[in-house]
């Protein structure tokens, strides 16, 4: 185990390896068969296996009896998304095939799937219904419609207001817009200021963005940085998250990672 320490945070780093015909890395709870985030390695030996990554976000819709609908969908053999994600990581060699499978398969509950490939502009956000997509966002660098990154929290990307009747007592839903806006602002700054392309540089800036309040909050359990283009995968478990914008955080670029191998 390794630990990361500064004045406000202490993270322990952990990785779980799952081997199939082609190597994949996944993050899951103990005893869980499916996965919540994962990456498939790209290989030079197989030109079709270009690698890709995926992250799952909870989606609450405005429909009534949502839980009952989810259970009913299971009786009709709709996929549990965690199992489908792992199966797709094990079987689909590249971004294009994975996107097609994950946008067409019937699933038990609505969700958000954020996916990245190893090739230029391979990035997509799938806003999933039980059957098919509600919509999707893709990366583009065209002058008319520049979208160099995608941020997804727990609210649909086209919404700019969260109703109390929708989020209820769920704090993650209540601050979903705030988290999205702050992360978008920080990502814009990161892309504009970034001068390095190494995995170490990318990791430190990415964790810096993920560690800012309210993106990182008291309900944040872990943070994942995945980069299919270089087969980079790093996880940090959050122990002491910030509680306000005033929380002082040392820039990860100036913070040493203290490793204690057990």
C-alpha atoms as a PDB file:
ATOM      1  CA  UNK A   1       0.000   0.000   0.000  1.00  0.00           C
ATOM      2  CA  UNK A   2       1.143   3.549  -0.667  1.00  0.00           C
ATOM      3  CA  UNK A   3      -0.020   6.715   1.040  1.00  0.00           C
ATOM      4  CA  UNK A   4      -0.259  10.300  -0.139  1.00  0.00           C
ATOM      5  CA  UNK A   5      -0.056  13.024   2.523  1.00  0.00           C
ATOM      6  CA  UNK A   6      -0.278  16.796   2.634  1.00  0.00           C
ATOM      7  CA  UNK A   7      -1.871  19.289   5.023  1.00  0.00           C
ATOM      8  CA  UNK A   8      -5.460  18.493   4.090  1.00  0.00           C
ATOM      9  CA  UNK A   9      -5.578  15.073   2.497  1.00  0.00           C
ATOM     10  CA  UNK A  10      -4.412  11.537   3.032  1.00  0.00           C
ATOM     11  CA  UNK A  11      -4.964   9.078   0.217  1.00  0.00           C
ATOM     12  CA  UNK A  12      -4.144   5.414  -0.022  1.00  0.00           C
ATOM     13  CA  UNK A  13      -3.526   4.127  -3.497  1.00  0.00           C
ATOM     14  CA  UNK A  14      -4.878   0.777  -4.601  1.00  0.00           C
ATOM     15  CA  UNK A  15      -5.289  -1.046  -7.868  1.00  0.00           C
ATOM     16  CA  UNK A  16      -7.152  -4.224  -8.694  1.00  0.00           C
ATOM     17  CA  UNK A  17      -5.989  -6.321 -11.615  1.00  0.00           C
ATOM     18  CA  UNK A  18      -8.335  -8.544 -13.563  1.00  0.00           C
ATOM     19  CA  UNK A  19      -6.816 -10.655 -16.304  1.00  0.00           C
ATOM     20  CA  UNK A  20      -8.604 -11.826 -19.433  1.00  0.00           C
ATOM     21  CA  UNK A  21      -7.350 -12.524 -22.944  1.00  0.00           C
ATOM     22  CA  UNK A  22      -6.329  -8.866 -22.986  1.00  0.00           C
ATOM     23  CA  UNK A  23      -5.444  -7.126 -19.746  1.00  0.00           C
ATOM     24  CA  UNK A  24      -7.951  -4.804 -18.136  1.00  0.00           C
ATOM     25  CA  UNK A  25      -7.939  -2.832 -14.903  1.00  0.00           C
ATOM     26  CA  UNK A  26     -11.144  -2.277 -12.959  1.00  0.00           C
ATOM     27  CA  UNK A  27     -12.295  -0.651  -9.740  1.00  0.00           C
ATOM     28  CA  UNK A  28     -15.032  -2.368  -7.720  1.00  0.00           C
ATOM     29  CA  UNK A  29     -16.251  -3.077  -4.224  1.00  0.00           C
ATOM     30  CA  UNK A  30     -15.095  -6.175  -2.378  1.00  0.00           C
ATOM     31  CA  UNK A  31     -17.225  -9.124  -3.490  1.00  0.00           C
ATOM     32  CA  UNK A  32     -18.612  -7.237  -6.490  1.00  0.00           C
ATOM     33  CA  UNK A  33     -18.604  -9.134  -9.791  1.00  0.00           C
ATOM     34  CA  UNK A  34     -19.093  -6.127 -12.057  1.00  0.00           C
ATOM     35  CA  UNK A  35     -17.172  -2.842 -12.012  1.00  0.00           C
ATOM     36  CA  UNK A  36     -17.705   0.906 -11.608  1.00  0.00           C
ATOM     37  CA  UNK A  37     -14.691   2.182 -13.552  1.00  0.00           C
ATOM     38  CA  UNK A  38     -12.253   0.359 -15.762  1.00  0.00           C
ATOM     39  CA  UNK A  39      -9.705   0.497 -18.555  1.00  0.00           C
ATOM     40  CA  UNK A  40      -8.711  -1.944 -21.261  1.00  0.00           C
ATOM     41  CA  UNK A  41      -5.052  -1.816 -22.233  1.00  0.00           C
ATOM     42  CA  UNK A  42      -4.141  -1.170 -25.826  1.00  0.00           C
ATOM     43  CA  UNK A  43      -1.462  -3.415 -27.296  1.00  0.00           C
ATOM     44  CA  UNK A  44       1.041  -2.997 -30.115  1.00  0.00           C
ATOM     45  CA  UNK A  45       0.748  -6.673 -31.046  1.00  0.00           C
ATOM     46  CA  UNK A  46      -2.935  -6.420 -31.986  1.00  0.00           C
ATOM     47  CA  UNK A  47      -3.788  -3.338 -34.119  1.00  0.00           C
ATOM     48  CA  UNK A  48      -7.507  -3.808 -33.400  1.00  0.00           C
ATOM     49  CA  UNK A  49      -6.983  -3.701 -29.626  1.00  0.00           C
ATOM     50  CA  UNK A  50      -6.542   0.055 -29.225  1.00  0.00           C
ATOM     51  CA  UNK A  51      -7.808   0.237 -25.646  1.00  0.00           C
ATOM     52  CA  UNK A  52     -10.418   2.385 -23.925  1.00  0.00           C
ATOM     53  CA  UNK A  53     -11.740   3.409 -20.501  1.00  0.00           C
ATOM     54  CA  UNK A  54     -15.133   3.899 -18.876  1.00  0.00           C
ATOM     55  CA  UNK A  55     -16.652   5.465 -15.764  1.00  0.00           C
ATOM     56  CA  UNK A  56     -20.199   5.080 -14.418  1.00  0.00           C
ATOM     57  CA  UNK A  57     -22.314   7.845 -12.868  1.00  0.00           C
ATOM     58  CA  UNK A  58     -25.686   7.504 -11.161  1.00  0.00           C
ATOM     59  CA  UNK A  59     -28.586   9.083 -13.054  1.00  0.00           C
ATOM     60  CA  UNK A  60     -31.939   9.975 -11.521  1.00  0.00           C
ATOM     61  CA  UNK A  61     -34.750  10.730 -13.953  1.00  0.00           C
ATOM     62  CA  UNK A  62     -38.103  12.417 -13.442  1.00  0.00           C
ATOM     63  CA  UNK A  63     -40.021   9.186 -13.952  1.00  0.00           C
ATOM     64  CA  UNK A  64     -42.274   7.797 -11.241  1.00  0.00           C
ATOM     65  CA  UNK A  65     -41.743   4.361  -9.682  1.00  0.00           C
ATOM     66  CA  UNK A  66     -38.165   4.290 -10.906  1.00  0.00           C
ATOM     67  CA  UNK A  67     -37.010   1.550  -8.533  1.00  0.00           C
ATOM     68  CA  UNK A  68     -39.934  -0.669  -9.486  1.00  0.00           C
ATOM     69  CA  UNK A  69     -39.142  -0.137 -13.161  1.00  0.00           C
ATOM     70  CA  UNK A  70     -35.527  -1.128 -12.525  1.00  0.00           C
ATOM     71  CA  UNK A  71     -36.564  -4.357 -10.822  1.00  0.00           C
ATOM     72  CA  UNK A  72     -39.082  -5.150 -13.553  1.00  0.00           C
ATOM     73  CA  UNK A  73     -36.397  -4.638 -16.198  1.00  0.00           C
ATOM     74  CA  UNK A  74     -34.290  -7.264 -14.435  1.00  0.00           C
ATOM     75  CA  UNK A  75     -37.084  -9.825 -14.817  1.00  0.00           C
ATOM     76  CA  UNK A  76     -37.004  -9.115 -18.554  1.00  0.00           C
ATOM     77  CA  UNK A  77     -33.280  -9.957 -18.573  1.00  0.00           C
ATOM     78  CA  UNK A  78     -32.055  -6.403 -19.028  1.00  0.00           C
ATOM     79  CA  UNK A  79     -28.383  -6.022 -18.103  1.00  0.00           C
ATOM     80  CA  UNK A  80     -27.097  -4.771 -14.782  1.00  0.00           C
ATOM     81  CA  UNK A  81     -24.774  -2.000 -15.969  1.00  0.00           C
ATOM     82  CA  UNK A  82     -21.870  -3.008 -13.691  1.00  0.00           C
ATOM     83  CA  UNK A  83     -21.827  -6.513 -15.199  1.00  0.00           C
ATOM     84  CA  UNK A  84     -22.228  -5.180 -18.729  1.00  0.00           C
ATOM     85  CA  UNK A  85     -19.311  -2.795 -18.256  1.00  0.00           C
ATOM     86  CA  UNK A  86     -16.986  -5.555 -17.117  1.00  0.00           C
ATOM     87  CA  UNK A  87     -18.082  -7.924 -19.883  1.00  0.00           C
ATOM     88  CA  UNK A  88     -17.581  -5.194 -22.469  1.00  0.00           C
ATOM     89  CA  UNK A  89     -14.101  -4.420 -21.144  1.00  0.00           C
ATOM     90  CA  UNK A  90     -13.219  -8.085 -21.455  1.00  0.00           C
ATOM     91  CA  UNK A  91     -14.637  -8.589 -24.946  1.00  0.00           C
ATOM     92  CA  UNK A  92     -14.564  -5.348 -26.949  1.00  0.00           C
ATOM     93  CA  UNK A  93     -11.070  -4.404 -28.170  1.00  0.00           C
ATOM     94  CA  UNK A  94     -11.555  -0.751 -29.060  1.00  0.00           C
ATOM     95  CA  UNK A  95     -13.488   2.413 -28.351  1.00  0.00           C
ATOM     96  CA  UNK A  96     -15.833   2.233 -31.349  1.00  0.00           C
ATOM     97  CA  UNK A  97     -17.017  -1.308 -30.666  1.00  0.00           C
ATOM     98  CA  UNK A  98     -17.394  -0.616 -26.949  1.00  0.00           C
ATOM     99  CA  UNK A  99     -19.498   2.503 -27.529  1.00  0.00           C
ATOM    100  CA  UNK A 100     -21.783   0.628 -29.908  1.00  0.00           C
ATOM    101  CA  UNK A 101     -22.355  -2.187 -27.431  1.00  0.00           C
ATOM    102  CA  UNK A 102     -22.920   0.077 -24.435  1.00  0.00           C
ATOM    103  CA  UNK A 103     -25.314   2.404 -26.226  1.00  0.00           C
ATOM    104  CA  UNK A 104     -27.515  -0.347 -27.662  1.00  0.00           C
ATOM    105  CA  UNK A 105     -27.756  -2.979 -24.917  1.00  0.00           C
ATOM    106  CA  UNK A 106     -30.867  -2.879 -22.716  1.00  0.00           C
ATOM    107  CA  UNK A 107     -29.980  -2.013 -19.107  1.00  0.00           C
ATOM    108  CA  UNK A 108     -31.904  -2.163 -15.841  1.00  0.00           C
ATOM    109  CA  UNK A 109     -31.532   1.489 -14.812  1.00  0.00           C
ATOM    110  CA  UNK A 110     -30.689   4.851 -16.411  1.00  0.00           C
ATOM    111  CA  UNK A 111     -27.097   6.019 -15.987  1.00  0.00           C
ATOM    112  CA  UNK A 112     -24.275   8.116 -17.404  1.00  0.00           C
ATOM    113  CA  UNK A 113     -21.310   6.425 -19.099  1.00  0.00           C
ATOM    114  CA  UNK A 114     -18.195   8.500 -19.744  1.00  0.00           C
ATOM    115  CA  UNK A 115     -15.795   6.793 -22.127  1.00  0.00           C
ATOM    116  CA  UNK A 116     -12.388   7.576 -23.625  1.00  0.00           C
ATOM    117  CA  UNK A 117     -10.288   5.867 -26.273  1.00  0.00           C
ATOM    118  CA  UNK A 118      -6.602   6.003 -27.124  1.00  0.00           C
ATOM    119  CA  UNK A 119      -7.018   7.810 -30.432  1.00  0.00           C
ATOM    120  CA  UNK A 120      -7.508  11.503 -31.179  1.00  0.00           C
ATOM    121  CA  UNK A 121     -10.972  12.827 -30.224  1.00  0.00           C
ATOM    122  CA  UNK A 122     -12.142   9.458 -28.872  1.00  0.00           C
ATOM    123  CA  UNK A 123     -14.296  10.668 -26.019  1.00  0.00           C
ATOM    124  CA  UNK A 124     -18.030  10.366 -25.404  1.00  0.00           C
ATOM    125  CA  UNK A 125     -20.689  10.806 -22.746  1.00  0.00           C
ATOM    126  CA  UNK A 126     -23.625   8.418 -23.123  1.00  0.00           C
ATOM    127  CA  UNK A 127     -26.751   9.487 -21.263  1.00  0.00           C
ATOM    128  CA  UNK A 128     -28.459   6.127 -21.095  1.00  0.00           C
ATOM    129  CA  UNK A 129     -32.096   5.147 -20.833  1.00  0.00           C
ATOM    130  CA  UNK A 130     -33.046   1.545 -20.163  1.00  0.00           C
ATOM    131  CA  UNK A 131     -33.430   1.094 -23.897  1.00  0.00           C
ATOM    132  CA  UNK A 132     -31.059   3.161 -25.992  1.00  0.00           C
ATOM    133  CA  UNK A 133     -29.659   6.626 -25.455  1.00  0.00           C
ATOM    134  CA  UNK A 134     -31.275   9.833 -24.321  1.00  0.00           C
ATOM    135  CA  UNK A 135     -28.427  11.757 -25.945  1.00  0.00           C
ATOM    136  CA  UNK A 136     -24.643  11.797 -26.307  1.00  0.00           C
ATOM    137  CA  UNK A 137     -21.802  14.284 -26.222  1.00  0.00           C
ATOM    138  CA  UNK A 138     -18.590  13.724 -28.162  1.00  0.00           C
ATOM    139  CA  UNK A 139     -15.226  15.447 -28.303  1.00  0.00           C
ATOM    140  CA  UNK A 140     -14.431  17.712 -31.203  1.00  0.00           C
ATOM    141  CA  UNK A 141     -11.730  20.239 -32.022  1.00  0.00           C
ATOM    142  CA  UNK A 142     -13.543  21.957 -34.895  1.00  0.00           C
ATOM    143  CA  UNK A 143     -13.484  25.741 -34.779  1.00  0.00           C
ATOM    144  CA  UNK A 144     -17.270  25.938 -34.973  1.00  0.00           C
ATOM    145  CA  UNK A 145     -17.950  23.504 -32.126  1.00  0.00           C
ATOM    146  CA  UNK A 146     -14.912  23.122 -29.905  1.00  0.00           C
ATOM    147  CA  UNK A 147     -15.372  20.581 -27.095  1.00  0.00           C
ATOM    148  CA  UNK A 148     -12.010  19.465 -25.772  1.00  0.00           C
ATOM    149  CA  UNK A 149     -13.299  17.788 -22.624  1.00  0.00           C
ATOM    150  CA  UNK A 150     -16.514  16.481 -21.061  1.00  0.00           C
ATOM    151  CA  UNK A 151     -17.560  16.835 -17.416  1.00  0.00           C
ATOM    152  CA  UNK A 152     -20.328  14.659 -15.963  1.00  0.00           C
ATOM    153  CA  UNK A 153     -21.632  14.642 -12.408  1.00  0.00           C
ATOM    154  CA  UNK A 154     -25.109  13.371 -11.484  1.00  0.00           C
ATOM    155  CA  UNK A 155     -27.327  15.624 -13.576  1.00  0.00           C
ATOM    156  CA  UNK A 156     -28.076  15.653 -17.312  1.00  0.00           C
ATOM    157  CA  UNK A 157     -25.702  17.891 -19.241  1.00  0.00           C
ATOM    158  CA  UNK A 158     -28.506  19.932 -20.789  1.00  0.00           C
ATOM    159  CA  UNK A 159     -30.012  20.944 -17.431  1.00  0.00           C
ATOM    160  CA  UNK A 160     -29.083  24.242 -15.788  1.00  0.00           C
ATOM    161  CA  UNK A 161     -31.360  23.999 -12.756  1.00  0.00           C
ATOM    162  CA  UNK A 162     -32.000  21.315 -10.137  1.00  0.00           C
ATOM    163  CA  UNK A 163     -35.460  21.229  -8.584  1.00  0.00           C
ATOM    164  CA  UNK A 164     -35.842  20.379  -4.898  1.00  0.00           C
ATOM    165  CA  UNK A 165     -38.586  17.919  -5.824  1.00  0.00           C
ATOM    166  CA  UNK A 166     -35.991  16.070  -7.918  1.00  0.00           C
ATOM    167  CA  UNK A 167     -33.002  15.929  -5.577  1.00  0.00           C
ATOM    168  CA  UNK A 168     -34.926  15.625  -2.292  1.00  0.00           C
ATOM    169  CA  UNK A 169     -32.482  14.913   0.541  1.00  0.00           C
ATOM    170  CA  UNK A 170     -29.713  13.609  -1.738  1.00  0.00           C
ATOM    171  CA  UNK A 171     -26.757  15.975  -1.316  1.00  0.00           C
ATOM    172  CA  UNK A 172     -24.896  14.631  -4.351  1.00  0.00           C
ATOM    173  CA  UNK A 173     -27.880  15.448  -6.546  1.00  0.00           C
ATOM    174  CA  UNK A 174     -28.385  18.799  -4.840  1.00  0.00           C
ATOM    175  CA  UNK A 175     -24.843  19.979  -5.592  1.00  0.00           C
ATOM    176  CA  UNK A 176     -24.475  18.215  -8.956  1.00  0.00           C
ATOM    177  CA  UNK A 177     -24.683  21.496 -10.893  1.00  0.00           C
ATOM    178  CA  UNK A 178     -22.183  23.209  -8.619  1.00  0.00           C
ATOM    179  CA  UNK A 179     -19.734  20.325  -8.942  1.00  0.00           C
ATOM    180  CA  UNK A 180     -20.123  20.340 -12.720  1.00  0.00           C
ATOM    181  CA  UNK A 181     -19.547  24.093 -12.997  1.00  0.00           C
ATOM    182  CA  UNK A 182     -16.484  24.089 -10.751  1.00  0.00           C
ATOM    183  CA  UNK A 183     -14.938  21.087 -12.518  1.00  0.00           C
ATOM    184  CA  UNK A 184     -15.599  22.666 -15.919  1.00  0.00           C
ATOM    185  CA  UNK A 185     -13.894  25.896 -14.842  1.00  0.00           C
ATOM    186  CA  UNK A 186     -10.907  24.003 -13.459  1.00  0.00           C
ATOM    187  CA  UNK A 187     -10.629  21.814 -16.545  1.00  0.00           C
ATOM    188  CA  UNK A 188     -10.686  24.876 -18.798  1.00  0.00           C
ATOM    189  CA  UNK A 189      -7.841  26.359 -16.784  1.00  0.00           C
ATOM    190  CA  UNK A 190      -5.936  23.059 -16.839  1.00  0.00           C
ATOM    191  CA  UNK A 191      -6.139  22.699 -20.615  1.00  0.00           C
ATOM    192  CA  UNK A 192      -5.178  26.323 -21.134  1.00  0.00           C
ATOM    193  CA  UNK A 193      -2.210  26.217 -18.746  1.00  0.00           C
ATOM    194  CA  UNK A 194      -0.979  22.668 -19.295  1.00  0.00           C
ATOM    195  CA  UNK A 195       2.487  22.540 -20.818  1.00  0.00           C
ATOM    196  CA  UNK A 196       3.419  18.903 -20.293  1.00  0.00           C
ATOM    197  CA  UNK A 197       2.164  15.653 -21.727  1.00  0.00           C
ATOM    198  CA  UNK A 198       3.874  13.045 -19.558  1.00  0.00           C
ATOM    199  CA  UNK A 199       1.827  10.622 -17.453  1.00  0.00           C
ATOM    200  CA  UNK A 200       3.243  12.134 -14.272  1.00  0.00           C
ATOM    201  CA  UNK A 201       2.284  15.654 -15.325  1.00  0.00           C
ATOM    202  CA  UNK A 202      -1.158  14.512 -16.454  1.00  0.00           C
ATOM    203  CA  UNK A 203      -1.772  12.562 -13.225  1.00  0.00           C
ATOM    204  CA  UNK A 204      -0.807  15.393 -10.900  1.00  0.00           C
ATOM    205  CA  UNK A 205      -2.942  17.986 -12.657  1.00  0.00           C
ATOM    206  CA  UNK A 206      -5.866  15.586 -12.956  1.00  0.00           C
ATOM    207  CA  UNK A 207      -5.779  14.719  -9.253  1.00  0.00           C
ATOM    208  CA  UNK A 208      -5.436  18.403  -8.444  1.00  0.00           C
ATOM    209  CA  UNK A 209      -8.712  19.089 -10.287  1.00  0.00           C
ATOM    210  CA  UNK A 210     -10.440  16.085  -8.719  1.00  0.00           C
ATOM    211  CA  UNK A 211      -9.317  17.149  -5.245  1.00  0.00           C
ATOM    212  CA  UNK A 212     -10.875  20.620  -5.312  1.00  0.00           C
ATOM    213  CA  UNK A 213     -14.073  21.331  -3.388  1.00  0.00           C
ATOM    214  CA  UNK A 214     -16.898  20.589  -4.153  1.00  0.00           C
ATOM    215  CA  UNK A 215     -15.729  18.107  -6.802  1.00  0.00           C
ATOM    216  CA  UNK A 216     -14.170  16.267  -3.897  1.00  0.00           C
ATOM    217  CA  UNK A 217     -16.538  16.252  -0.918  1.00  0.00           C
ATOM    218  CA  UNK A 218     -17.490  14.212   2.145  1.00  0.00           C
ATOM    219  CA  UNK A 219     -19.247  11.615  -0.023  1.00  0.00           C
ATOM    220  CA  UNK A 220     -16.253  11.090  -2.334  1.00  0.00           C
ATOM    221  CA  UNK A 221     -14.840   7.602  -1.772  1.00  0.00           C
ATOM    222  CA  UNK A 222     -12.188   7.290  -4.457  1.00  0.00           C
ATOM    223  CA  UNK A 223     -10.747   9.109  -7.458  1.00  0.00           C
ATOM    224  CA  UNK A 224      -9.600   7.518 -10.687  1.00  0.00           C
ATOM    225  CA  UNK A 225      -7.350   8.813 -13.471  1.00  0.00           C
ATOM    226  CA  UNK A 226      -7.255   6.675 -16.619  1.00  0.00           C
ATOM    227  CA  UNK A 227      -5.361   7.373 -19.839  1.00  0.00           C
ATOM    228  CA  UNK A 228      -5.821   4.653 -22.477  1.00  0.00           C
ATOM    229  CA  UNK A 229      -3.356   6.280 -24.895  1.00  0.00           C
ATOM    230  CA  UNK A 230      -0.467   5.413 -22.557  1.00  0.00           C
ATOM    231  CA  UNK A 231      -2.083   2.597 -20.502  1.00  0.00           C
ATOM    232  CA  UNK A 232      -1.908   4.789 -17.404  1.00  0.00           C
ATOM    233  CA  UNK A 233      -4.270   3.946 -14.514  1.00  0.00           C
ATOM    234  CA  UNK A 234      -4.161   5.382 -11.005  1.00  0.00           C
ATOM    235  CA  UNK A 235      -6.618   5.269  -8.083  1.00  0.00           C
ATOM    236  CA  UNK A 236      -6.647   7.174  -4.814  1.00  0.00           C
ATOM    237  CA  UNK A 237      -8.983   6.476  -1.912  1.00  0.00           C
ATOM    238  CA  UNK A 238     -10.087   9.685  -0.187  1.00  0.00           C
ATOM    239  CA  UNK A 239      -9.860   9.819   3.621  1.00  0.00           C
ATOM    240  CA  UNK A 240     -10.005  13.523   4.498  1.00  0.00           C
ATOM    241  CA  UNK A 241     -11.859  15.515   1.818  1.00  0.00           C
ATOM    242  CA  UNK A 242     -12.153  19.324   1.842  1.00  0.00           C
ATOM    243  CA  UNK A 243     -15.294  20.832   3.346  1.00  0.00           C
ATOM    244  CA  UNK A 244     -15.306  24.305   1.835  1.00  0.00           C
ATOM    245  CA  UNK A 245     -13.840  26.509  -0.874  1.00  0.00           C
ATOM    246  CA  UNK A 246     -11.556  28.000   1.773  1.00  0.00           C
ATOM    247  CA  UNK A 247      -9.780  24.714   2.377  1.00  0.00           C
ATOM    248  CA  UNK A 248      -6.138  25.201   1.532  1.00  0.00           C
ATOM    249  CA  UNK A 249      -4.735  22.478  -0.696  1.00  0.00           C
ATOM    250  CA  UNK A 250      -1.097  22.173  -1.590  1.00  0.00           C
ATOM    251  CA  UNK A 251      -0.520  21.998  -5.334  1.00  0.00           C
ATOM    252  CA  UNK A 252       0.103  18.291  -6.134  1.00  0.00           C
ATOM    253  CA  UNK A 253       2.903  19.390  -8.476  1.00  0.00           C
ATOM    254  CA  UNK A 254       4.777  20.582  -5.402  1.00  0.00           C
ATOM    255  CA  UNK A 255       3.777  17.688  -3.162  1.00  0.00           C
ATOM    256  CA  UNK A 256       5.858  14.560  -2.789  1.00  0.00           C
ATOM    257  CA  UNK A 257       4.084  11.233  -2.814  1.00  0.00           C
ATOM    258  CA  UNK A 258       5.234   9.270   0.187  1.00  0.00           C
ATOM    259  CA  UNK A 259       5.345   5.580  -0.635  1.00  0.00           C
ATOM    260  CA  UNK A 260       5.270   2.926   2.043  1.00  0.00           C
ATOM    261  CA  UNK A 261       5.385  -0.516   0.528  1.00  0.00           C
ATOM    262  CA  UNK A 262       3.788  -3.199   2.702  1.00  0.00           C
END
